[in-house]
C-alpha atoms as a PDB file:
ATOM      1  CA  MET A   1     110.601 142.889  77.243  1.00  0.00           C
ATOM      2  CA  GLU A   2     113.048 140.803  75.124  1.00  0.00           C
ATOM      3  CA  THR A   3     115.870 141.592  77.500  1.00  0.00           C
ATOM      4  CA  ILE A   4     113.677 140.436  80.457  1.00  0.00           C
ATOM      5  CA  LYS A   5     112.876 137.243  78.544  1.00  0.00           C
ATOM      6  CA  ILE A   6     116.588 136.576  77.855  1.00  0.00           C
ATOM      7  CA  ILE A   7     117.510 137.100  81.452  1.00  0.00           C
ATOM      8  CA  PHE A   8     114.746 134.895  82.806  1.00  0.00           C
ATOM      9  CA  THR A   9     115.683 132.199  80.252  1.00  0.00           C
ATOM     10  CA  TRP A  10     119.257 132.287  81.367  1.00  0.00           C
ATOM     11  CA  LEU A  11     118.370 132.190  85.019  1.00  0.00           C
ATOM     12  CA  ASN A  12     116.033 129.256  84.391  1.00  0.00           C
ATOM     13  CA  ASP A  13     118.587 127.325  82.399  1.00  0.00           C
ATOM     14  CA  GLN A  14     121.511 127.915  84.869  1.00  0.00           C
ATOM     15  CA  LEU A  15     119.710 127.861  88.233  1.00  0.00           C
ATOM     16  CA  LEU A  16     116.892 125.360  87.710  1.00  0.00           C
ATOM     17  CA  LYS A  17     117.832 123.226  84.765  1.00  0.00           C
ATOM     18  CA  MET A  18     121.566 123.572  85.712  1.00  0.00           C
ATOM     19  CA  ASN A  19     122.870 123.289  82.209  1.00  0.00           C
ATOM     20  CA  TRP A  20     126.347 124.053  83.594  1.00  0.00           C
ATOM     21  CA  LEU A  21     126.035 120.867  85.649  1.00  0.00           C
ATOM     22  CA  GLN A  22     125.196 118.726  82.569  1.00  0.00           C
ATOM     23  CA  SER A  23     128.215 120.157  80.847  1.00  0.00           C
ATOM     24  CA  LEU A  24     130.463 119.286  83.785  1.00  0.00           C
ATOM     25  CA  VAL A  25     129.138 115.706  84.035  1.00  0.00           C
ATOM     26  CA  ASN A  26     129.550 115.109  80.336  1.00  0.00           C
ATOM     27  CA  ASN A  27     133.079 116.528  80.292  1.00  0.00           C
ATOM     28  CA  PHE A  28     134.040 114.356  83.375  1.00  0.00           C
ATOM     29  CA  LEU A  29     132.596 111.212  81.762  1.00  0.00           C
ATOM     30  CA  SER A  30     134.221 111.701  78.405  1.00  0.00           C
ATOM     31  CA  ASN A  31     137.524 113.464  79.215  1.00  0.00           C
ATOM     32  CA  VAL A  32     138.344 111.981  82.652  1.00  0.00           C
ATOM     33  CA  LEU A  33     136.718 108.499  82.616  1.00  0.00           C
ATOM     34  CA  GLY A  34     137.039 108.039  78.843  1.00  0.00           C
ATOM     35  CA  PHE A  35     133.374 107.169  77.989  1.00  0.00           C
ATOM     36  CA  ASP A  36     132.334 107.219  74.382  1.00  0.00           C
ATOM     37  CA  SER A  37     129.894 110.186  74.180  1.00  0.00           C
ATOM     38  CA  GLU A  38     127.937 108.367  71.454  1.00  0.00           C
ATOM     39  CA  SER A  39     127.284 105.190  73.477  1.00  0.00           C
ATOM     40  CA  LYS A  40     124.157 104.185  75.318  1.00  0.00           C
ATOM     41  CA  ILE A  41     126.111 103.649  78.575  1.00  0.00           C
ATOM     42  CA  PHE A  42     127.278 107.264  78.371  1.00  0.00           C
ATOM     43  CA  ASP A  43     123.769 108.535  77.991  1.00  0.00           C
ATOM     44  CA  SER A  44     122.561 106.455  80.990  1.00  0.00           C
ATOM     45  CA  VAL A  45     125.420 107.332  83.326  1.00  0.00           C
ATOM     46  CA  SER A  46     125.268 110.976  82.346  1.00  0.00           C
ATOM     47  CA  PHE A  47     121.479 111.060  83.023  1.00  0.00           C
ATOM     48  CA  PHE A  48     121.972 109.359  86.370  1.00  0.00           C
ATOM     49  CA  MET A  49     124.867 111.582  87.680  1.00  0.00           C
ATOM     50  CA  TYR A  50     123.230 114.777  86.452  1.00  0.00           C
ATOM     51  CA  ASP A  51     119.753 114.155  87.786  1.00  0.00           C
ATOM     52  CA  VAL A  52     120.889 112.804  91.254  1.00  0.00           C
ATOM     53  CA  ILE A  53     123.194 115.824  91.866  1.00  0.00           C
ATOM     54  CA  LYS A  54     120.665 118.357  90.534  1.00  0.00           C
ATOM     55  CA  ILE A  55     117.674 116.969  92.508  1.00  0.00           C
ATOM     56  CA  LEU A  56     119.629 116.818  95.757  1.00  0.00           C
ATOM     57  CA  ILE A  57     120.917 120.405  95.317  1.00  0.00           C
ATOM     58  CA  LEU A  58     117.394 121.725  94.467  1.00  0.00           C
ATOM     59  CA  LEU A  59     115.793 119.688  97.216  1.00  0.00           C
ATOM     60  CA  THR A  60     118.170 120.961  99.898  1.00  0.00           C
ATOM     61  CA  VAL A  61     117.350 124.603  99.023  1.00  0.00           C
ATOM     62  CA  LEU A  62     113.627 124.131  98.469  1.00  0.00           C
ATOM     63  CA  ILE A  63     112.941 122.020 101.559  1.00  0.00           C
ATOM     64  CA  PHE A  64     114.732 124.642 103.693  1.00  0.00           C
ATOM     65  CA  ILE A  65     112.592 127.434 102.143  1.00  0.00           C
ATOM     66  CA  SER A  66     109.320 125.523 102.431  1.00  0.00           C
ATOM     67  CA  SER A  67     110.088 124.318 105.907  1.00  0.00           C
ATOM     68  CA  TYR A  68     110.838 127.843 107.036  1.00  0.00           C
ATOM     69  CA  ILE A  69     107.524 128.923 105.755  1.00  0.00           C
ATOM     70  CA  GLN A  70     105.867 125.931 107.340  1.00  0.00           C
ATOM     71  CA  SER A  71     107.296 126.877 110.750  1.00  0.00           C
ATOM     72  CA  TYR A  72     104.686 129.651 110.792  1.00  0.00           C
ATOM     73  CA  PHE A  73     101.882 127.125 110.509  1.00  0.00           C
ATOM     74  CA  SER A  74     101.722 125.015 113.642  1.00  0.00           C
ATOM     75  CA  PRO A  75      98.968 122.400 113.823  1.00  0.00           C
ATOM     76  CA  GLU A  76      97.082 124.598 116.286  1.00  0.00           C
ATOM     77  CA  ARG A  77      97.378 127.689 114.138  1.00  0.00           C
ATOM     78  CA  THR A  78      96.445 125.726 111.026  1.00  0.00           C
ATOM     79  CA  ARG A  79      93.384 124.315 112.796  1.00  0.00           C
ATOM     80  CA  ARG A  80      92.301 127.845 113.835  1.00  0.00           C
ATOM     81  CA  ILE A  81      92.691 129.109 110.241  1.00  0.00           C
ATOM     82  CA  LEU A  82      90.732 126.264 108.802  1.00  0.00           C
ATOM     83  CA  GLY A  83      88.074 126.568 111.462  1.00  0.00           C
ATOM     84  CA  LYS A  84      87.171 130.087 110.216  1.00  0.00           C
ATOM     85  CA  PHE A  85      85.951 128.795 106.818  1.00  0.00           C
ATOM     86  CA  LYS A  86      83.057 126.594 105.831  1.00  0.00           C
ATOM     87  CA  GLY A  87      82.109 124.619 102.739  1.00  0.00           C
ATOM     88  CA  VAL A  88      84.114 124.808  99.548  1.00  0.00           C
ATOM     89  CA  PRO A  89      86.183 127.833 100.753  1.00  0.00           C
ATOM     90  CA  ALA A  90      87.361 125.661 103.656  1.00  0.00           C
ATOM     91  CA  ASN A  91      88.366 122.940 101.254  1.00  0.00           C
ATOM     92  CA  ILE A  92      90.306 125.435  99.164  1.00  0.00           C
ATOM     93  CA  ILE A  93      92.216 126.701 102.235  1.00  0.00           C
ATOM     94  CA  GLY A  94      92.880 123.056 103.242  1.00  0.00           C
ATOM     95  CA  ALA A  95      94.292 122.197  99.916  1.00  0.00           C
ATOM     96  CA  LEU A  96      96.392 125.334  99.845  1.00  0.00           C
ATOM     97  CA  LEU A  97      97.807 124.682 103.323  1.00  0.00           C
ATOM     98  CA  GLY A  98      98.686 121.221 102.070  1.00  0.00           C
ATOM     99  CA  THR A  99     101.114 122.894  99.604  1.00  0.00           C
ATOM    100  CA  VAL A 100     103.280 124.196 102.346  1.00  0.00           C
ATOM    101  CA  THR A 101     103.863 120.748 103.905  1.00  0.00           C
ATOM    102  CA  PRO A 102     106.620 118.891 102.183  1.00  0.00           C
ATOM    103  CA  PHE A 103     105.362 115.418 103.099  1.00  0.00           C
ATOM    104  CA  CYS A 104     104.871 112.161 101.234  1.00  0.00           C
ATOM    105  CA  SER A 105     101.371 110.567 101.396  1.00  0.00           C
ATOM    106  CA  CYS A 106     102.335 108.360 104.385  1.00  0.00           C
ATOM    107  CA  SER A 107     103.714 111.304 106.380  1.00  0.00           C
ATOM    108  CA  SER A 108     100.518 113.320 105.775  1.00  0.00           C
ATOM    109  CA  ILE A 109      98.296 110.774 107.449  1.00  0.00           C
ATOM    110  CA  PRO A 110      99.316 111.575 111.127  1.00  0.00           C
ATOM    111  CA  ILE A 111      98.521 115.219 110.422  1.00  0.00           C
ATOM    112  CA  PHE A 112      95.207 114.184 108.915  1.00  0.00           C
ATOM    113  CA  ILE A 113      94.460 112.278 112.113  1.00  0.00           C
ATOM    114  CA  GLY A 114      95.343 115.389 114.209  1.00  0.00           C
ATOM    115  CA  PHE A 115      93.047 117.563 112.198  1.00  0.00           C
ATOM    116  CA  THR A 116      90.221 115.154 112.403  1.00  0.00           C
ATOM    117  CA  LYS A 117      90.656 114.783 116.177  1.00  0.00           C
ATOM    118  CA  ALA A 118      90.630 118.540 116.451  1.00  0.00           C
ATOM    119  CA  GLY A 119      87.117 118.521 115.031  1.00  0.00           C
ATOM    120  CA  LEU A 120      87.804 119.852 111.503  1.00  0.00           C
ATOM    121  CA  PRO A 121      85.254 118.893 108.796  1.00  0.00           C
ATOM    122  CA  ILE A 122      86.078 115.614 107.075  1.00  0.00           C
ATOM    123  CA  GLY A 123      86.076 117.251 103.644  1.00  0.00           C
ATOM    124  CA  VAL A 124      88.683 119.769 104.727  1.00  0.00           C
ATOM    125  CA  THR A 125      90.987 117.134 106.124  1.00  0.00           C
ATOM    126  CA  PHE A 126      90.758 115.075 102.923  1.00  0.00           C
ATOM    127  CA  SER A 127      91.491 118.204 100.793  1.00  0.00           C
ATOM    128  CA  PHE A 128      94.630 118.597 102.889  1.00  0.00           C
ATOM    129  CA  LEU A 129      95.458 114.867 102.624  1.00  0.00           C
ATOM    130  CA  ILE A 130      95.219 114.868  98.828  1.00  0.00           C
ATOM    131  CA  SER A 131      97.196 118.133  98.156  1.00  0.00           C
ATOM    132  CA  SER A 132      99.945 117.660 100.729  1.00  0.00           C
ATOM    133  CA  PRO A 133     101.843 114.894  98.931  1.00  0.00           C
ATOM    134  CA  LEU A 134     100.730 116.040  95.490  1.00  0.00           C
ATOM    135  CA  VAL A 135     101.633 119.701  95.443  1.00  0.00           C
ATOM    136  CA  ASP A 136     104.396 121.682  97.188  1.00  0.00           C
ATOM    137  CA  LEU A 137     106.959 124.359  96.442  1.00  0.00           C
ATOM    138  CA  ALA A 138     109.694 121.751  95.750  1.00  0.00           C
ATOM    139  CA  SER A 139     107.575 119.905  93.212  1.00  0.00           C
ATOM    140  CA  VAL A 140     106.795 123.095  91.310  1.00  0.00           C
ATOM    141  CA  ILE A 141     110.443 124.144  91.052  1.00  0.00           C
ATOM    142  CA  LEU A 142     111.559 120.571  90.155  1.00  0.00           C
ATOM    143  CA  LEU A 143     108.882 120.268  87.499  1.00  0.00           C
ATOM    144  CA  ALA A 144     109.973 123.587  86.000  1.00  0.00           C
ATOM    145  CA  SER A 145     113.591 122.443  86.069  1.00  0.00           C
ATOM    146  CA  ILE A 146     112.837 119.352  84.072  1.00  0.00           C
ATOM    147  CA  PHE A 147     109.946 120.489  81.855  1.00  0.00           C
ATOM    148  CA  ASN A 148     108.837 124.133  81.848  1.00  0.00           C
ATOM    149  CA  TRP A 149     106.901 126.656  83.893  1.00  0.00           C
ATOM    150  CA  ARG A 150     103.667 126.208  82.039  1.00  0.00           C
ATOM    151  CA  ILE A 151     103.610 122.497  82.863  1.00  0.00           C
ATOM    152  CA  ALA A 152     104.671 123.128  86.496  1.00  0.00           C
ATOM    153  CA  ILE A 153     101.932 125.745  87.121  1.00  0.00           C
ATOM    154  CA  ALA A 154      99.285 123.610  85.338  1.00  0.00           C
ATOM    155  CA  TYR A 155     100.296 120.642  87.499  1.00  0.00           C
ATOM    156  CA  VAL A 156      99.789 122.665  90.681  1.00  0.00           C
ATOM    157  CA  PHE A 157      96.484 124.012  89.415  1.00  0.00           C
ATOM    158  CA  VAL A 158      94.960 120.617  88.603  1.00  0.00           C
ATOM    159  CA  GLY A 159      96.442 119.048  91.763  1.00  0.00           C
ATOM    160  CA  LEU A 160      94.611 121.663  93.889  1.00  0.00           C
ATOM    161  CA  ILE A 161      91.362 121.158  91.846  1.00  0.00           C
ATOM    162  CA  ILE A 162      91.522 117.363  92.541  1.00  0.00           C
ATOM    163  CA  ALA A 163      92.058 118.085  96.215  1.00  0.00           C
ATOM    164  CA  VAL A 164      89.213 120.538  96.499  1.00  0.00           C
ATOM    165  CA  VAL A 165      86.746 118.464  94.470  1.00  0.00           C
ATOM    166  CA  GLY A 166      87.712 115.306  96.444  1.00  0.00           C
ATOM    167  CA  GLY A 167      87.192 117.042  99.790  1.00  0.00           C
ATOM    168  CA  SER A 168      83.960 118.637  98.628  1.00  0.00           C
ATOM    169  CA  VAL A 169      82.498 115.338  97.408  1.00  0.00           C
ATOM    170  CA  ILE A 170      83.390 113.475 100.642  1.00  0.00           C
ATOM    171  CA  SER A 171      81.860 116.391 102.631  1.00  0.00           C
ATOM    172  CA  ALA A 172      78.699 116.350 100.440  1.00  0.00           C
ATOM    173  CA  PHE A 173      78.284 112.593 101.088  1.00  0.00           C
ATOM    174  CA  LYS A 174      78.590 113.286 104.928  1.00  0.00           C
ATOM    175  CA  MET A 175      81.082 110.477 105.440  1.00  0.00           C
ATOM    176  CA  GLU A 176      82.191 111.437 108.941  1.00  0.00           C
ATOM    177  CA  LYS A 177      80.748 108.136 110.302  1.00  0.00           C
ATOM    178  CA  TYR A 178      83.195 106.134 108.198  1.00  0.00           C
ATOM    179  CA  VAL A 179      86.144 107.473 110.186  1.00  0.00           C
ATOM    180  CA  GLU A 180      87.295 105.089 112.900  1.00  0.00           C
ATOM    181  CA  ASP A 181      86.095 105.962 116.426  1.00  0.00           C
ATOM    182  CA  PHE A 182      89.601 106.441 117.917  1.00  0.00           C
ATOM    183  CA  VAL A 183      90.395 109.146 115.308  1.00  0.00           C
ATOM    184  CA  ARG A 184      87.103 111.050 116.094  1.00  0.00           C
ATOM    185  CA  ASP A 185      87.657 110.719 119.785  1.00  0.00           C
ATOM    186  CA  ARG A 186      88.360 114.246 121.117  1.00  0.00           C
ATOM    187  CA  THR A 187      89.054 113.255 124.751  1.00  0.00           C
ATOM    188  CA  GLY A 188      91.483 115.870 126.194  1.00  0.00           C
ATOM    189  CA  LEU A 189      91.051 118.202 123.271  1.00  0.00           C
ATOM    190  CA  GLU A 190      87.940 120.045 124.442  1.00  0.00           C
ATOM    191  CA  ASN A 191      89.923 122.993 125.658  1.00  0.00           C
ATOM    192  CA  SER A 192      92.521 122.854 122.837  1.00  0.00           C
ATOM    193  CA  SER A 193      91.618 126.434 121.798  1.00  0.00           C
ATOM    194  CA  ASP A 194      92.933 127.613 125.167  1.00  0.00           C
ATOM    195  CA  ILE A 195      96.406 126.277 124.437  1.00  0.00           C
ATOM    196  CA  ILE A 196      99.051 129.023 124.328  1.00  0.00           C
ATOM    197  CA  GLU A 197     100.895 128.699 121.042  1.00  0.00           C
ATOM    198  CA  TYR A 198     104.659 128.840 121.228  1.00  0.00           C
ATOM    199  CA  LYS A 199     106.237 131.269 118.750  1.00  0.00           C
ATOM    200  CA  MET A 200     109.656 130.333 117.299  1.00  0.00           C
ATOM    201  CA  THR A 201     112.443 132.877 117.073  1.00  0.00           C
ATOM    202  CA  ARG A 202     114.226 133.301 113.714  1.00  0.00           C
ATOM    203  CA  LYS A 203     117.110 131.158 114.952  1.00  0.00           C
ATOM    204  CA  GLU A 204     114.697 128.372 115.942  1.00  0.00           C
ATOM    205  CA  ARG A 205     112.947 128.555 112.517  1.00  0.00           C
ATOM    206  CA  ILE A 206     116.369 128.214 110.816  1.00  0.00           C
ATOM    207  CA  ARG A 207     117.155 125.269 113.083  1.00  0.00           C
ATOM    208  CA  TYR A 208     113.786 123.719 112.308  1.00  0.00           C
ATOM    209  CA  ALA A 209     114.236 124.126 108.554  1.00  0.00           C
ATOM    210  CA  LEU A 210     117.717 122.643 108.655  1.00  0.00           C
ATOM    211  CA  ASP A 211     116.435 119.602 110.656  1.00  0.00           C
ATOM    212  CA  GLN A 212     113.671 119.149 108.112  1.00  0.00           C
ATOM    213  CA  VAL A 213     116.190 119.174 105.325  1.00  0.00           C
ATOM    214  CA  LYS A 214     118.193 116.483 107.085  1.00  0.00           C
ATOM    215  CA  GLU A 215     115.113 114.412 107.911  1.00  0.00           C
ATOM    216  CA  ILE A 216     113.439 114.586 104.484  1.00  0.00           C
ATOM    217  CA  ILE A 217     116.711 114.024 102.527  1.00  0.00           C
ATOM    218  CA  LYS A 218     117.431 111.046 104.787  1.00  0.00           C
ATOM    219  CA  ARG A 219     113.987 109.656 104.038  1.00  0.00           C
ATOM    220  CA  VAL A 220     113.833 110.168 100.275  1.00  0.00           C
ATOM    221  CA  TRP A 221     117.436 109.783  98.965  1.00  0.00           C
ATOM    222  CA  VAL A 222     116.894 106.054  98.371  1.00  0.00           C
ATOM    223  CA  TYR A 223     113.789 106.775  96.283  1.00  0.00           C
ATOM    224  CA  ILE A 224     115.736 109.390  94.370  1.00  0.00           C
ATOM    225  CA  ILE A 225     118.509 106.988  93.623  1.00  0.00           C
ATOM    226  CA  ILE A 226     115.992 104.290  92.533  1.00  0.00           C
ATOM    227  CA  GLY A 227     113.862 106.728  90.493  1.00  0.00           C
ATOM    228  CA  VAL A 228     116.912 108.152  88.708  1.00  0.00           C
ATOM    229  CA  GLY A 229     118.288 104.673  88.117  1.00  0.00           C
ATOM    230  CA  ILE A 230     115.034 103.526  86.471  1.00  0.00           C
ATOM    231  CA  GLY A 231     114.962 106.778  84.468  1.00  0.00           C
ATOM    232  CA  ALA A 232     118.561 106.236  83.353  1.00  0.00           C
ATOM    233  CA  VAL A 233     117.756 102.703  82.165  1.00  0.00           C
ATOM    234  CA  ILE A 234     114.663 103.944  80.284  1.00  0.00           C
ATOM    235  CA  HIS A 235     116.649 106.844  78.821  1.00  0.00           C
ATOM    236  CA  GLY A 236     119.602 104.803  77.630  1.00  0.00           C
ATOM    237  CA  PHE A 237     118.374 101.328  76.925  1.00  0.00           C
ATOM    238  CA  ILE A 238     114.637 100.889  76.541  1.00  0.00           C
ATOM    239  CA  PRO A 239     113.641 101.258  72.875  1.00  0.00           C
ATOM    240  CA  GLU A 240     111.307 104.109  72.128  1.00  0.00           C
ATOM    241  CA  ALA A 241     109.092 101.770  70.120  1.00  0.00           C
ATOM    242  CA  PHE A 242     108.394  99.608  73.193  1.00  0.00           C
ATOM    243  CA  ILE A 243     107.598 102.556  75.450  1.00  0.00           C
ATOM    244  CA  SER A 244     105.326 104.007  72.752  1.00  0.00           C
ATOM    245  CA  LEU A 245     103.479 100.678  72.378  1.00  0.00           C
ATOM    246  CA  ILE A 246     102.489 100.697  76.067  1.00  0.00           C
ATOM    247  CA  LEU A 247     102.324 104.342  77.021  1.00  0.00           C
ATOM    248  CA  GLY A 248     102.523 106.182  73.690  1.00  0.00           C
ATOM    249  CA  LYS A 249     100.003 108.739  72.484  1.00  0.00           C
ATOM    250  CA  GLU A 250      98.568 106.135  69.963  1.00  0.00           C
ATOM    251  CA  ASN A 251      97.455 103.919  72.879  1.00  0.00           C
ATOM    252  CA  SER A 252      94.025 105.150  74.050  1.00  0.00           C
ATOM    253  CA  PHE A 253      94.463 103.483  77.414  1.00  0.00           C
ATOM    254  CA  SER A 254      97.940 104.890  78.127  1.00  0.00           C
ATOM    255  CA  VAL A 255      96.714 107.249  80.878  1.00  0.00           C
ATOM    256  CA  ILE A 256      94.716 104.480  82.613  1.00  0.00           C
ATOM    257  CA  ILE A 257      97.712 102.092  82.386  1.00  0.00           C
ATOM    258  CA  ALA A 258     100.140 104.752  83.741  1.00  0.00           C
ATOM    259  CA  THR A 259      97.734 105.440  86.658  1.00  0.00           C
ATOM    260  CA  LEU A 260      97.374 101.784  87.521  1.00  0.00           C
ATOM    261  CA  LEU A 261     101.171 101.293  87.287  1.00  0.00           C
ATOM    262  CA  GLY A 262     101.835 104.215  89.647  1.00  0.00           C
ATOM    263  CA  ILE A 263      99.456 103.095  92.498  1.00  0.00           C
ATOM    264  CA  PRO A 264     101.396 100.071  93.746  1.00  0.00           C
ATOM    265  CA  MET A 265     104.661 102.107  93.865  1.00  0.00           C
ATOM    266  CA  TYR A 266     105.833 104.176  96.843  1.00  0.00           C
ATOM    267  CA  ALA A 267     107.928 107.330  96.330  1.00  0.00           C
ATOM    268  CA  ASP A 268     107.889 111.014  96.706  1.00  0.00           C
ATOM    269  CA  ILE A 269     107.489 113.182  93.644  1.00  0.00           C
ATOM    270  CA  PHE A 270     111.265 113.611  93.793  1.00  0.00           C
ATOM    271  CA  GLY A 271     111.790 109.958  92.916  1.00  0.00           C
ATOM    272  CA  THR A 272     109.246 109.879  90.148  1.00  0.00           C
ATOM    273  CA  LEU A 273     110.426 113.010  88.289  1.00  0.00           C
ATOM    274  CA  PRO A 274     113.492 111.342  86.697  1.00  0.00           C
ATOM    275  CA  ILE A 275     111.263 108.526  85.455  1.00  0.00           C
ATOM    276  CA  ALA A 276     108.841 111.133  84.125  1.00  0.00           C
ATOM    277  CA  GLU A 277     111.733 112.984  82.348  1.00  0.00           C
ATOM    278  CA  ALA A 278     112.904 109.732  80.726  1.00  0.00           C
ATOM    279  CA  LEU A 279     109.369 108.813  79.588  1.00  0.00           C
ATOM    280  CA  VAL A 280     108.786 112.265  78.080  1.00  0.00           C
ATOM    281  CA  ASN A 281     112.121 111.989  76.186  1.00  0.00           C
ATOM    282  CA  LYS A 282     110.878 108.651  74.742  1.00  0.00           C
ATOM    283  CA  GLY A 283     107.767 110.337  73.344  1.00  0.00           C
ATOM    284  CA  VAL A 284     105.195 109.572  76.044  1.00  0.00           C
ATOM    285  CA  GLY A 285     102.467 112.195  76.268  1.00  0.00           C
ATOM    286  CA  ILE A 286     102.808 114.732  79.088  1.00  0.00           C
ATOM    287  CA  GLY A 287      99.330 113.808  80.418  1.00  0.00           C
ATOM    288  CA  THR A 288     100.256 110.136  80.674  1.00  0.00           C
ATOM    289  CA  VAL A 289     103.434 111.019  82.511  1.00  0.00           C
ATOM    290  CA  LEU A 290     101.657 113.411  84.967  1.00  0.00           C
ATOM    291  CA  ALA A 291      99.043 110.768  85.636  1.00  0.00           C
ATOM    292  CA  PHE A 292     101.770 108.285  86.569  1.00  0.00           C
ATOM    293  CA  MET A 293     103.438 110.890  88.864  1.00  0.00           C
ATOM    294  CA  MET A 294     100.195 111.765  90.640  1.00  0.00           C
ATOM    295  CA  ALA A 295      99.171 108.101  91.139  1.00  0.00           C
ATOM    296  CA  VAL A 296     102.590 107.363  92.760  1.00  0.00           C
ATOM    297  CA  THR A 297     102.452 110.339  95.093  1.00  0.00           C
ATOM    298  CA  ALA A 298      98.823 110.519  96.071  1.00  0.00           C
ATOM    299  CA  LEU A 299      97.737 106.885  95.874  1.00  0.00           C
ATOM    300  CA  SER A 300     100.765 104.771  96.778  1.00  0.00           C
ATOM    301  CA  LEU A 301      99.808 101.349  98.106  1.00  0.00           C
ATOM    302  CA  PRO A 302     101.611 101.851 101.517  1.00  0.00           C
ATOM    303  CA  SER A 303      99.636 105.011 102.198  1.00  0.00           C
ATOM    304  CA  ILE A 304      96.356 103.254 101.292  1.00  0.00           C
ATOM    305  CA  VAL A 305      97.250 100.509 103.752  1.00  0.00           C
ATOM    306  CA  MET A 306      97.957 103.017 106.498  1.00  0.00           C
ATOM    307  CA  LEU A 307      94.835 105.024 105.753  1.00  0.00           C
ATOM    308  CA  LYS A 308      92.756 101.783 106.037  1.00  0.00           C
ATOM    309  CA  LYS A 309      93.708 101.687 109.696  1.00  0.00           C
ATOM    310  CA  VAL A 310      92.025 105.105 110.366  1.00  0.00           C
ATOM    311  CA  ILE A 311      89.010 105.133 108.006  1.00  0.00           C
ATOM    312  CA  LYS A 312      86.515 102.461 107.030  1.00  0.00           C
ATOM    313  CA  THR A 313      86.416 100.655 103.701  1.00  0.00           C
ATOM    314  CA  LYS A 314      83.474 102.709 102.162  1.00  0.00           C
ATOM    315  CA  LEU A 315      85.320 105.954 102.785  1.00  0.00           C
ATOM    316  CA  LEU A 316      88.596 104.566 101.633  1.00  0.00           C
ATOM    317  CA  MET A 317      87.107 103.342  98.375  1.00  0.00           C
ATOM    318  CA  THR A 318      85.382 106.698  97.827  1.00  0.00           C
ATOM    319  CA  PHE A 319      88.740 108.523  98.410  1.00  0.00           C
ATOM    320  CA  VAL A 320      90.649 106.252  96.019  1.00  0.00           C
ATOM    321  CA  GLY A 321      87.874 106.369  93.453  1.00  0.00           C
ATOM    322  CA  ILE A 322      87.656 110.194  93.440  1.00  0.00           C
ATOM    323  CA  VAL A 323      91.374 110.672  93.194  1.00  0.00           C
ATOM    324  CA  THR A 324      91.881 107.944  90.575  1.00  0.00           C
ATOM    325  CA  ILE A 325      89.144 109.406  88.386  1.00  0.00           C
ATOM    326  CA  GLY A 326      90.526 112.876  88.824  1.00  0.00           C
ATOM    327  CA  ILE A 327      94.035 111.769  87.841  1.00  0.00           C
ATOM    328  CA  ILE A 328      92.768 109.947  84.738  1.00  0.00           C
ATOM    329  CA  VAL A 329      90.671 112.911  83.612  1.00  0.00           C
ATOM    330  CA  VAL A 330      93.638 115.260  84.145  1.00  0.00           C
ATOM    331  CA  GLY A 331      95.849 112.930  82.189  1.00  0.00           C
ATOM    332  CA  TYR A 332      93.597 112.868  79.093  1.00  0.00           C
ATOM    333  CA  LEU A 333      93.115 116.619  79.333  1.00  0.00           C
ATOM    334  CA  PHE A 334      96.787 117.180  79.295  1.00  0.00           C
ATOM    335  CA  ASN A 335      97.276 114.818  76.415  1.00  0.00           C
ATOM    336  CA  GLY A 336      94.546 116.453  74.437  1.00  0.00           C
ATOM    337  CA  PHE A 337      95.839 119.911  75.031  1.00  0.00           C
ATOM    338  CA  GLY A 338      99.485 119.130  75.301  1.00  0.00           C
ATOM    339  CA  PHE A 339     100.376 121.648  72.554  1.00  0.00           C
ATOM    340  CA  LEU A 340      99.570 124.429  74.959  1.00  0.00           C
ATOM    341  CA  PHE A 341     102.385 123.325  77.317  1.00  0.00           C
ATOM    342  CA  ALA A 342     105.199 122.702  74.761  1.00  0.00           C
END
């Protein structure tokens, strides 16, 4: 057992955390560029270079894998799968299917519209809409690479719970009437079940996965650079006392503040992870950090604006309220039981 643990730790450190990359970056900065390894600028530049390269490498691999898996779940097949379940089990399946779609919150909305048009229950579509940007294969691996596997798995678990509970509550309130008419209009879809589904060959699935890598990297690289840049500044220059005053464990409102700070932002989880890493290094509680990440990815202001175009105000406020409360509760739970994830 000890041998297995040693092997797993080595693989985790070298393949996920990429300790070898950190050593290369530090040697390059100190031996080639002549940076003083004890200076704040060294810490910031090292943080920036290491995180950008690591995240891009991991993203390329993980998006390819998740997109290849996703190629087996066309919208029509997904609709048929979801149509077989009712009630909470349907919300659970909707949330789980959201985990195989590597989309940000804005990208998930067109799929949400398609599912609603196809006649799927409103609660199921919202479970998908919540989980899709919040939880996916890439986020699990990246969380593990920065923190640890316990935190990564716990994040996925609570993300799915928020998605299932959110969808279930919306379903229980019977809020279908608060979806705009053009979204519920099924004109031309009455015989959608008769559509012959095209099956990809292996070569086509590989091509699809490669195209998704190019498309998603092209879409998120700016947010990664910005996120890592902010993280680098926090890591190297922002005093720990200042961070602790606002988001530290001593501040009872830290989780609420982090959630409210995250909502106006727009980024994928890939752009928020470097900020989260820097905040944790400054002593911010893991629950506060996860609340910030969840708010950015699930409740970004641009996605709320887009969603307002397809659902009415009462449903939008219900959605935002459920997810916000869920994130805050999760944040405080993680802060309270943070010792379990150390």
